[in-house]
Amino acid sequence: MFSTLANILWAIVVILFVFWLLGLVFHIAGAFIHILLIVAIIILLYNLFTANRSRRTL
């Protein structure tokens, strides 16, 4: 179950990062795209910290 959740989180991070790049290049959506980038970074950090915690307990 953990690997499925981790894969979904990584997919969300990648998608949000791509949207951020598109917004940066084509000036689409203004500040909204930067909010998406912050959300992607938060998800990335959460995923990294929970992955490290699960490896230590195994």
Protein backbone atom coordinates (compact mmCIF):
# COMPACT_ATOMS: atom_id res chain seq x y z
CA MET A 1 0.00 0.00 0.00
CA PHE A 2 2.79 2.42 0.82
CA SER A 3 4.43 2.12 -2.59
CA THR A 4 1.11 2.83 -4.33
CA LEU A 5 0.60 5.97 -2.26
CA ALA A 6 4.19 7.03 -2.87
CA ASN A 7 3.75 6.55 -6.62
CA ILE A 8 0.60 8.64 -6.60
CA LEU A 9 2.32 11.40 -4.63
CA TRP A 10 5.28 11.42 -7.02
CA ALA A 11 2.88 11.60 -9.97
CA ILE A 12 1.12 14.60 -8.41
CA VAL A 13 4.46 16.32 -7.81
CA VAL A 14 5.55 15.76 -11.41
CA ILE A 15 2.22 16.96 -12.83
CA LEU A 16 2.22 20.09 -10.68
CA PHE A 17 5.83 20.81 -11.63
CA VAL A 18 4.98 20.49 -15.34
CA PHE A 19 2.02 22.85 -14.89
CA TRP A 20 4.31 25.30 -13.10
CA LEU A 21 6.80 25.17 -15.97
CA LEU A 22 4.03 25.73 -18.51
CA GLY A 23 2.77 28.70 -16.51
CA LEU A 24 6.26 30.11 -16.25
CA VAL A 25 6.94 29.78 -19.97
CA PHE A 26 3.53 30.83 -21.32
CA HIS A 27 2.48 33.18 -18.47
CA ILE A 28 -0.72 31.24 -17.80
CA ALA A 29 -2.77 31.46 -14.58
CA GLY A 30 -0.64 34.07 -12.78
CA ALA A 31 -0.22 33.41 -9.07
CA PHE A 32 -2.27 30.21 -9.13
CA ILE A 33 0.57 28.31 -10.78
CA HIS A 34 2.94 29.32 -7.98
CA ILE A 35 0.48 28.04 -5.40
CA LEU A 36 0.50 24.71 -7.24
CA LEU A 37 4.29 24.67 -7.04
CA ILE A 38 4.18 25.21 -3.29
CA VAL A 39 1.68 22.36 -2.96
CA ALA A 40 3.98 20.13 -5.03
CA ILE A 41 6.96 20.96 -2.81
CA ILE A 42 4.95 20.22 0.34
CA ILE A 43 3.86 16.85 -1.09
CA LEU A 44 7.44 16.09 -2.11
CA LEU A 45 8.80 16.87 1.36
CA TYR A 46 6.03 14.85 3.02
CA ASN A 47 6.81 11.91 0.78
CA LEU A 48 10.54 12.10 1.50
CA PHE A 49 10.05 12.28 5.27
CA THR A 50 7.52 9.46 5.44
CA ALA A 51 9.67 7.26 3.17
CA ASN A 52 12.66 7.76 5.47
CA ARG A 53 10.57 6.95 8.53
CA SER A 54 9.21 3.74 7.00
CA ARG A 55 12.70 2.58 6.02
CA ARG A 56 13.95 3.07 9.58
CA THR A 57 11.17 0.97 11.08
CA LEU A 58 11.75 -1.99 8.73
